C-alpha atoms as a PDB file:
ATOM      1  CA  MET A   1      76.202 172.098 299.551  1.00  0.00           C
ATOM      2  CA  ALA A   2      79.576 171.551 297.873  1.00  0.00           C
ATOM      3  CA  ARG A   3      82.481 173.874 298.479  1.00  0.00           C
ATOM      4  CA  LYS A   4      84.573 175.535 295.788  1.00  0.00           C
ATOM      5  CA  GLY A   5      87.436 173.306 294.723  1.00  0.00           C
ATOM      6  CA  LEU A   6      85.888 170.092 295.999  1.00  0.00           C
ATOM      7  CA  PRO A   7      87.483 167.210 294.028  1.00  0.00           C
ATOM      8  CA  ALA A   8      85.245 165.287 291.646  1.00  0.00           C
ATOM      9  CA  ALA A   9      85.270 162.213 293.896  1.00  0.00           C
ATOM     10  CA  GLY A  10      84.248 164.334 296.859  1.00  0.00           C
ATOM     11  CA  LEU A  11      81.457 165.952 294.887  1.00  0.00           C
ATOM     12  CA  ALA A  12      80.196 162.545 293.803  1.00  0.00           C
ATOM     13  CA  ALA A  13      80.128 161.393 297.414  1.00  0.00           C
ATOM     14  CA  ALA A  14      78.328 164.548 298.518  1.00  0.00           C
ATOM     15  CA  LEU A  15      75.692 164.167 295.819  1.00  0.00           C
ATOM     16  CA  LEU A  16      75.169 160.511 296.625  1.00  0.00           C
ATOM     17  CA  LEU A  17      74.639 161.369 300.273  1.00  0.00           C
ATOM     18  CA  SER A  18      72.306 164.285 299.587  1.00  0.00           C
ATOM     19  CA  GLY A  19      70.577 163.078 296.436  1.00  0.00           C
ATOM     20  CA  GLY A  20      70.824 159.306 296.378  1.00  0.00           C
ATOM     21  CA  ALA A  21      67.993 156.896 295.688  1.00  0.00           C
ATOM     22  CA  THR A  22      67.507 153.135 295.598  1.00  0.00           C
ATOM     23  CA  THR A  23      65.682 151.226 292.888  1.00  0.00           C
ATOM     24  CA  PRO A  24      62.763 148.989 293.938  1.00  0.00           C
ATOM     25  CA  TYR A  25      63.306 145.217 293.952  1.00  0.00           C
ATOM     26  CA  THR A  26      66.875 145.392 292.585  1.00  0.00           C
ATOM     27  CA  HIS A  27      68.032 147.730 295.387  1.00  0.00           C
ATOM     28  CA  ARG A  28      70.613 149.463 293.232  1.00  0.00           C
ATOM     29  CA  ARG A  29      71.942 152.768 294.515  1.00  0.00           C
ATOM     30  CA  GLN A  30      71.489 155.736 292.182  1.00  0.00           C
ATOM     31  CA  LEU A  31      72.969 159.193 291.898  1.00  0.00           C
ATOM     32  CA  MET A  32      69.999 161.571 291.859  1.00  0.00           C
ATOM     33  CA  VAL A  33      69.962 165.347 291.664  1.00  0.00           C
ATOM     34  CA  VAL A  34      66.409 165.732 290.332  1.00  0.00           C
ATOM     35  CA  SER A  35      63.527 165.935 292.785  1.00  0.00           C
ATOM     36  CA  GLU A  36      60.495 163.717 292.255  1.00  0.00           C
ATOM     37  CA  ALA A  37      58.330 166.835 292.012  1.00  0.00           C
ATOM     38  CA  ASP A  38      60.394 168.280 289.162  1.00  0.00           C
ATOM     39  CA  GLU A  39      60.597 164.876 287.503  1.00  0.00           C
ATOM     40  CA  ASP A  40      56.794 164.622 287.611  1.00  0.00           C
ATOM     41  CA  GLN A  41      56.446 168.100 286.113  1.00  0.00           C
ATOM     42  CA  MET A  42      58.777 167.204 283.241  1.00  0.00           C
ATOM     43  CA  GLY A  43      56.857 164.001 282.627  1.00  0.00           C
ATOM     44  CA  GLU A  44      53.547 165.838 282.425  1.00  0.00           C
ATOM     45  CA  GLN A  45      54.941 168.460 280.045  1.00  0.00           C
ATOM     46  CA  ALA A  46      56.500 165.878 277.748  1.00  0.00           C
ATOM     47  CA  TYR A  47      53.404 163.650 277.764  1.00  0.00           C
ATOM     48  CA  GLN A  48      51.061 166.474 276.818  1.00  0.00           C
ATOM     49  CA  ASP A  49      53.420 167.491 274.035  1.00  0.00           C
ATOM     50  CA  VAL A  50      53.411 163.951 272.633  1.00  0.00           C
ATOM     51  CA  LEU A  51      49.620 163.724 272.789  1.00  0.00           C
ATOM     52  CA  LYS A  52      49.191 167.037 270.961  1.00  0.00           C
ATOM     53  CA  LYS A  53      51.334 165.787 268.093  1.00  0.00           C
ATOM     54  CA  SER A  54      49.899 162.267 267.934  1.00  0.00           C
ATOM     55  CA  LYS A  55      46.790 160.625 266.540  1.00  0.00           C
ATOM     56  CA  ILE A  56      44.940 158.987 269.419  1.00  0.00           C
ATOM     57  CA  SER A  57      43.452 155.610 268.534  1.00  0.00           C
ATOM     58  CA  ARG A  58      39.680 155.347 268.192  1.00  0.00           C
ATOM     59  CA  ASP A  59      39.760 151.561 268.441  1.00  0.00           C
ATOM     60  CA  ALA A  60      37.545 151.076 271.486  1.00  0.00           C
ATOM     61  CA  GLU A  61      38.489 147.449 272.034  1.00  0.00           C
ATOM     62  CA  ALA A  62      42.249 148.013 271.815  1.00  0.00           C
ATOM     63  CA  THR A  63      42.036 151.136 273.966  1.00  0.00           C
ATOM     64  CA  ALA A  64      40.082 149.233 276.621  1.00  0.00           C
ATOM     65  CA  LEU A  65      42.740 146.517 276.561  1.00  0.00           C
ATOM     66  CA  VAL A  66      45.546 149.042 277.105  1.00  0.00           C
ATOM     67  CA  ARG A  67      43.688 150.660 279.978  1.00  0.00           C
ATOM     68  CA  ARG A  68      42.806 147.324 281.575  1.00  0.00           C
ATOM     69  CA  VAL A  69      46.375 146.053 281.516  1.00  0.00           C
ATOM     70  CA  GLY A  70      47.627 149.453 282.605  1.00  0.00           C
ATOM     71  CA  ALA A  71      45.320 149.569 285.602  1.00  0.00           C
ATOM     72  CA  ARG A  72      46.504 146.145 286.783  1.00  0.00           C
ATOM     73  CA  ILE A  73      50.182 147.012 286.363  1.00  0.00           C
ATOM     74  CA  ALA A  74      49.621 150.363 288.098  1.00  0.00           C
ATOM     75  CA  LYS A  75      48.041 148.612 291.074  1.00  0.00           C
ATOM     76  CA  ALA A  76      51.008 146.235 291.252  1.00  0.00           C
ATOM     77  CA  ALA A  77      53.415 149.198 291.158  1.00  0.00           C
ATOM     78  CA  GLU A  78      51.924 150.500 294.422  1.00  0.00           C
ATOM     79  CA  LYS A  79      52.412 154.165 293.542  1.00  0.00           C
ATOM     80  CA  PRO A  80      49.053 155.817 294.260  1.00  0.00           C
ATOM     81  CA  GLU A  81      50.705 159.230 294.089  1.00  0.00           C
ATOM     82  CA  PHE A  82      51.415 158.738 290.384  1.00  0.00           C
ATOM     83  CA  HIS A  83      49.070 160.400 287.879  1.00  0.00           C
ATOM     84  CA  TRP A  84      48.366 157.233 285.922  1.00  0.00           C
ATOM     85  CA  GLN A  85      47.342 157.732 282.293  1.00  0.00           C
ATOM     86  CA  PHE A  86      47.209 155.134 279.512  1.00  0.00           C
ATOM     87  CA  THR A  87      46.940 156.238 275.890  1.00  0.00           C
ATOM     88  CA  LEU A  88      46.910 154.190 272.700  1.00  0.00           C
ATOM     89  CA  ILE A  89      48.502 156.111 269.824  1.00  0.00           C
ATOM     90  CA  ASP A  90      47.430 155.198 266.305  1.00  0.00           C
ATOM     91  CA  GLU A  91      50.741 154.657 264.506  1.00  0.00           C
ATOM     92  CA  PRO A  92      50.742 151.181 262.904  1.00  0.00           C
ATOM     93  CA  LYS A  93      54.350 151.499 261.717  1.00  0.00           C
ATOM     94  CA  THR A  94      55.736 152.535 265.099  1.00  0.00           C
ATOM     95  CA  VAL A  95      56.770 149.598 267.268  1.00  0.00           C
ATOM     96  CA  ASN A  96      57.203 151.448 270.528  1.00  0.00           C
ATOM     97  CA  ALA A  97      55.862 152.267 273.987  1.00  0.00           C
ATOM     98  CA  PHE A  98      56.974 154.470 276.854  1.00  0.00           C
ATOM     99  CA  CYS A  99      56.135 155.503 280.394  1.00  0.00           C
ATOM    100  CA  LEU A 100      57.077 158.991 281.516  1.00  0.00           C
ATOM    101  CA  PRO A 101      57.559 160.037 285.147  1.00  0.00           C
ATOM    102  CA  GLY A 102      54.372 159.999 287.159  1.00  0.00           C
ATOM    103  CA  GLY A 103      52.917 156.958 285.393  1.00  0.00           C
ATOM    104  CA  ARG A 104      52.062 158.504 282.026  1.00  0.00           C
ATOM    105  CA  VAL A 105      52.022 155.649 279.541  1.00  0.00           C
ATOM    106  CA  ALA A 106      51.709 155.556 275.752  1.00  0.00           C
ATOM    107  CA  ILE A 107      51.425 152.436 273.629  1.00  0.00           C
ATOM    108  CA  TYR A 108      51.765 152.643 269.834  1.00  0.00           C
ATOM    109  CA  THR A 109      49.470 150.444 267.779  1.00  0.00           C
ATOM    110  CA  GLY A 110      52.471 149.120 265.848  1.00  0.00           C
ATOM    111  CA  ILE A 111      53.545 147.042 268.830  1.00  0.00           C
ATOM    112  CA  LEU A 112      50.193 145.275 269.280  1.00  0.00           C
ATOM    113  CA  PRO A 113      50.749 142.625 266.576  1.00  0.00           C
ATOM    114  CA  ILE A 114      53.891 141.623 268.470  1.00  0.00           C
ATOM    115  CA  THR A 115      52.304 141.583 271.925  1.00  0.00           C
ATOM    116  CA  LYS A 116      49.545 139.398 270.388  1.00  0.00           C
ATOM    117  CA  ASP A 117      47.445 139.164 273.558  1.00  0.00           C
ATOM    118  CA  GLU A 118      46.832 140.654 276.990  1.00  0.00           C
ATOM    119  CA  ASN A 119      49.746 138.824 278.600  1.00  0.00           C
ATOM    120  CA  GLY A 120      52.112 140.037 275.888  1.00  0.00           C
ATOM    121  CA  LEU A 121      50.948 143.596 276.403  1.00  0.00           C
ATOM    122  CA  ALA A 122      51.603 143.163 280.134  1.00  0.00           C
ATOM    123  CA  VAL A 123      55.254 142.394 279.318  1.00  0.00           C
ATOM    124  CA  VAL A 124      55.556 145.735 277.536  1.00  0.00           C
ATOM    125  CA  MET A 125      53.567 147.646 280.136  1.00  0.00           C
ATOM    126  CA  GLY A 126      55.510 146.147 283.030  1.00  0.00           C
ATOM    127  CA  HIS A 127      58.815 146.998 281.375  1.00  0.00           C
ATOM    128  CA  GLU A 128      57.838 150.608 280.679  1.00  0.00           C
ATOM    129  CA  VAL A 129      56.286 151.248 284.092  1.00  0.00           C
ATOM    130  CA  ALA A 130      59.455 149.809 285.622  1.00  0.00           C
ATOM    131  CA  HIS A 131      61.425 152.648 284.021  1.00  0.00           C
ATOM    132  CA  ALA A 132      59.258 155.217 285.806  1.00  0.00           C
ATOM    133  CA  LEU A 133      59.235 153.264 289.053  1.00  0.00           C
ATOM    134  CA  ALA A 134      63.042 153.083 289.076  1.00  0.00           C
ATOM    135  CA  ARG A 135      63.289 156.760 288.066  1.00  0.00           C
ATOM    136  CA  HIS A 136      65.552 155.953 285.149  1.00  0.00           C
ATOM    137  CA  GLY A 137      64.846 159.254 283.391  1.00  0.00           C
ATOM    138  CA  ALA A 138      65.910 161.308 286.388  1.00  0.00           C
ATOM    139  CA  GLU A 139      68.929 159.065 286.844  1.00  0.00           C
ATOM    140  CA  ARG A 140      70.007 159.630 283.243  1.00  0.00           C
ATOM    141  CA  ILE A 141      69.699 163.387 283.675  1.00  0.00           C
ATOM    142  CA  SER A 142      71.642 163.215 286.933  1.00  0.00           C
ATOM    143  CA  ASP A 143      74.407 161.132 285.355  1.00  0.00           C
ATOM    144  CA  ASP A 144      74.685 163.522 282.425  1.00  0.00           C
ATOM    145  CA  TYR A 145      74.721 166.540 284.718  1.00  0.00           C
ATOM    146  CA  PHE A 146      77.441 165.084 286.902  1.00  0.00           C
ATOM    147  CA  ALA A 147      79.534 164.059 283.909  1.00  0.00           C
ATOM    148  CA  GLN A 148      79.418 167.621 282.580  1.00  0.00           C
ATOM    149  CA  LYS A 149      79.851 169.447 285.872  1.00  0.00           C
ATOM    150  CA  ALA A 150      81.967 167.177 288.073  1.00  0.00           C
ATOM    151  CA  LEU A 151      85.266 168.959 287.486  1.00  0.00           C
ATOM    152  CA  GLY A 152      85.468 172.433 288.973  1.00  0.00           C
ATOM    153  CA  VAL A 153      81.737 172.834 289.509  1.00  0.00           C
ATOM    154  CA  LEU A 154      80.504 175.128 292.269  1.00  0.00           C
ATOM    155  CA  VAL A 155      77.259 173.718 293.672  1.00  0.00           C
ATOM    156  CA  GLN A 156      75.407 176.235 295.783  1.00  0.00           C
ATOM    157  CA  GLY A 157      72.275 174.273 296.572  1.00  0.00           C
ATOM    158  CA  ARG A 158      69.847 171.584 295.444  1.00  0.00           C
ATOM    159  CA  SER A 159      67.455 174.103 293.937  1.00  0.00           C
ATOM    160  CA  GLU A 160      70.090 175.424 291.546  1.00  0.00           C
ATOM    161  CA  ILE A 161      70.988 171.914 290.390  1.00  0.00           C
ATOM    162  CA  THR A 162      67.327 171.173 289.802  1.00  0.00           C
ATOM    163  CA  GLN A 163      66.842 174.365 287.816  1.00  0.00           C
ATOM    164  CA  ALA A 164      69.815 173.520 285.607  1.00  0.00           C
ATOM    165  CA  VAL A 165      68.718 170.004 284.736  1.00  0.00           C
ATOM    166  CA  VAL A 166      65.058 170.856 284.273  1.00  0.00           C
ATOM    167  CA  GLY A 167      66.039 173.302 281.564  1.00  0.00           C
ATOM    168  CA  GLN A 168      67.877 170.549 279.675  1.00  0.00           C
ATOM    169  CA  ALA A 169      65.485 167.668 280.259  1.00  0.00           C
ATOM    170  CA  TYR A 170      62.441 168.410 278.133  1.00  0.00           C
ATOM    171  CA  GLY A 171      61.373 165.174 276.510  1.00  0.00           C
ATOM    172  CA  ILE A 172      62.592 162.965 279.349  1.00  0.00           C
ATOM    173  CA  GLY A 173      62.398 159.315 278.400  1.00  0.00           C
ATOM    174  CA  LEU A 174      62.151 160.199 274.714  1.00  0.00           C
ATOM    175  CA  ALA A 175      65.051 162.531 273.913  1.00  0.00           C
ATOM    176  CA  LEU A 176      67.239 160.798 276.488  1.00  0.00           C
ATOM    177  CA  PRO A 177      67.333 157.057 275.720  1.00  0.00           C
ATOM    178  CA  PHE A 178      68.037 154.632 278.531  1.00  0.00           C
ATOM    179  CA  GLY A 179      71.256 152.651 278.737  1.00  0.00           C
ATOM    180  CA  ARG A 180      71.581 148.891 278.699  1.00  0.00           C
ATOM    181  CA  LYS A 181      71.903 148.718 282.473  1.00  0.00           C
ATOM    182  CA  GLN A 182      68.586 150.498 282.881  1.00  0.00           C
ATOM    183  CA  GLU A 183      66.927 148.441 280.147  1.00  0.00           C
ATOM    184  CA  SER A 184      67.989 145.193 281.825  1.00  0.00           C
ATOM    185  CA  GLU A 185      66.770 146.500 285.156  1.00  0.00           C
ATOM    186  CA  ALA A 186      63.413 147.427 283.602  1.00  0.00           C
ATOM    187  CA  ASP A 187      63.123 143.865 282.279  1.00  0.00           C
ATOM    188  CA  HIS A 188      63.798 142.532 285.797  1.00  0.00           C
ATOM    189  CA  ILE A 189      61.372 144.830 287.601  1.00  0.00           C
ATOM    190  CA  GLY A 190      58.821 144.509 284.793  1.00  0.00           C
ATOM    191  CA  LEU A 191      58.671 140.742 285.241  1.00  0.00           C
ATOM    192  CA  ILE A 192      57.843 141.232 288.907  1.00  0.00           C
ATOM    193  CA  LEU A 193      55.212 143.881 288.192  1.00  0.00           C
ATOM    194  CA  MET A 194      53.384 141.751 285.628  1.00  0.00           C
ATOM    195  CA  ALA A 195      53.519 138.736 287.953  1.00  0.00           C
ATOM    196  CA  LYS A 196      52.094 140.793 290.832  1.00  0.00           C
ATOM    197  CA  ALA A 197      49.365 141.968 288.455  1.00  0.00           C
ATOM    198  CA  GLY A 198      48.375 138.352 287.779  1.00  0.00           C
ATOM    199  CA  TYR A 199      50.053 137.933 284.388  1.00  0.00           C
ATOM    200  CA  ASP A 200      52.356 135.008 283.648  1.00  0.00           C
ATOM    201  CA  PRO A 201      55.947 136.333 283.483  1.00  0.00           C
ATOM    202  CA  ARG A 202      56.981 133.290 281.442  1.00  0.00           C
ATOM    203  CA  GLY A 203      55.250 135.035 278.545  1.00  0.00           C
ATOM    204  CA  ALA A 204      58.154 137.490 278.425  1.00  0.00           C
ATOM    205  CA  VAL A 205      60.408 134.983 276.663  1.00  0.00           C
ATOM    206  CA  PRO A 206      58.184 134.387 273.595  1.00  0.00           C
ATOM    207  CA  PHE A 207      57.378 138.109 273.461  1.00  0.00           C
ATOM    208  CA  TRP A 208      61.046 139.073 273.212  1.00  0.00           C
ATOM    209  CA  GLN A 209      61.592 136.305 270.680  1.00  0.00           C
ATOM    210  CA  ARG A 210      58.808 137.808 268.554  1.00  0.00           C
ATOM    211  CA  MET A 211      60.305 141.253 269.027  1.00  0.00           C
ATOM    212  CA  ALA A 212      63.670 139.970 267.812  1.00  0.00           C
ATOM    213  CA  ASP A 213      62.005 138.402 264.786  1.00  0.00           C
ATOM    214  CA  ALA A 214      60.312 141.734 264.013  1.00  0.00           C
ATOM    215  CA  LYS A 215      63.687 143.194 263.122  1.00  0.00           C
ATOM    216  CA  GLY A 216      63.622 141.093 259.969  1.00  0.00           C
ATOM    217  CA  GLY A 217      67.231 141.864 259.161  1.00  0.00           C
ATOM    218  CA  GLY A 218      66.523 145.583 258.877  1.00  0.00           C
ATOM    219  CA  SER A 219      66.500 148.447 261.342  1.00  0.00           C
ATOM    220  CA  PRO A 220      65.329 147.408 264.805  1.00  0.00           C
ATOM    221  CA  PRO A 221      62.026 148.730 266.123  1.00  0.00           C
ATOM    222  CA  VAL A 222      62.312 151.905 268.199  1.00  0.00           C
ATOM    223  CA  PHE A 223      61.414 149.805 271.208  1.00  0.00           C
ATOM    224  CA  LEU A 224      64.718 147.946 270.865  1.00  0.00           C
ATOM    225  CA  SER A 225      67.047 150.949 270.694  1.00  0.00           C
ATOM    226  CA  SER A 226      69.855 150.801 273.256  1.00  0.00           C
ATOM    227  CA  HIS A 227      68.509 147.489 274.534  1.00  0.00           C
ATOM    228  CA  PRO A 228      70.647 144.444 275.332  1.00  0.00           C
ATOM    229  CA  SER A 229      71.203 141.883 272.583  1.00  0.00           C
ATOM    230  CA  ASP A 230      68.303 139.502 272.010  1.00  0.00           C
ATOM    231  CA  LYS A 231      70.267 136.487 273.232  1.00  0.00           C
ATOM    232  CA  GLN A 232      71.520 138.236 276.381  1.00  0.00           C
ATOM    233  CA  ARG A 233      68.110 139.621 277.194  1.00  0.00           C
ATOM    234  CA  ILE A 234      66.297 136.304 276.881  1.00  0.00           C
ATOM    235  CA  GLU A 235      68.961 134.458 278.877  1.00  0.00           C
ATOM    236  CA  ARG A 236      68.790 137.046 281.649  1.00  0.00           C
ATOM    237  CA  ILE A 237      65.002 136.939 281.737  1.00  0.00           C
ATOM    238  CA  GLN A 238      65.069 133.164 282.034  1.00  0.00           C
ATOM    239  CA  GLU A 239      67.413 133.509 285.011  1.00  0.00           C
ATOM    240  CA  GLN A 240      65.068 136.021 286.654  1.00  0.00           C
ATOM    241  CA  LEU A 241      61.852 134.067 286.089  1.00  0.00           C
ATOM    242  CA  PRO A 242      62.003 132.058 289.364  1.00  0.00           C
ATOM    243  CA  GLU A 243      62.035 135.301 291.364  1.00  0.00           C
ATOM    244  CA  ALA A 244      59.135 136.756 289.375  1.00  0.00           C
ATOM    245  CA  LEU A 245      57.116 133.548 289.566  1.00  0.00           C
ATOM    246  CA  ALA A 246      57.188 133.782 293.363  1.00  0.00           C
ATOM    247  CA  TYR A 247      54.891 136.814 292.943  1.00  0.00           C
ATOM    248  CA  TYR A 248      52.601 135.134 290.423  1.00  0.00           C
ATOM    249  CA  LYS A 249      49.188 134.064 291.667  1.00  0.00           C
ATOM    250  CA  PRO A 250      46.955 133.273 288.671  1.00  0.00           C
END
């Protein structure tokens, strides 16, 4: 509980002590004022809303592929408490994918020509699951909340903070895009997840090269919004490959 008049720096310290988290594999400390239970509830609500508004693919082969890769990545994530779901959405012009809190994944058919094969899809799936595993959505909400409330805020308890952010967070992971730091971290963790799942992480480099080519001089695919530059991303992935390959057992 923070006291009235607590300076912003003191409030930040108090929140870090009471609501901090650490990302898997990268071990980065996070400011977190959203409980995992509330985060899961928001993820479920947002996912169901997306599914109601979307056309679910009837392509049995492609759907089976998404579920097969998803199941392997989910096993590698080691989060049995997640409510894993994998849905293929029939939108050929949408180059996108996402994973909401609790392991709720959607892949748009528009990204499949770029993934090309199962290993390419594992790059995408690993990256998106990494966002949920590292709780990037909740972190973004927490950062936004603190930025708005740090000066002069009177915090009376965790439950009141949670209630405030839940009201603003509908559409987590969709309405609130991730920053470059989180995108780079998802690349890093995603490489490890796909390697643990038995997919070759070296396939990430040609995938991101194909994704860069897909821009074609026009607007970037949705999947690339707020992401690092193509050159930076590929260079960073190449630096991280030795770590990921240590997990790879074909």
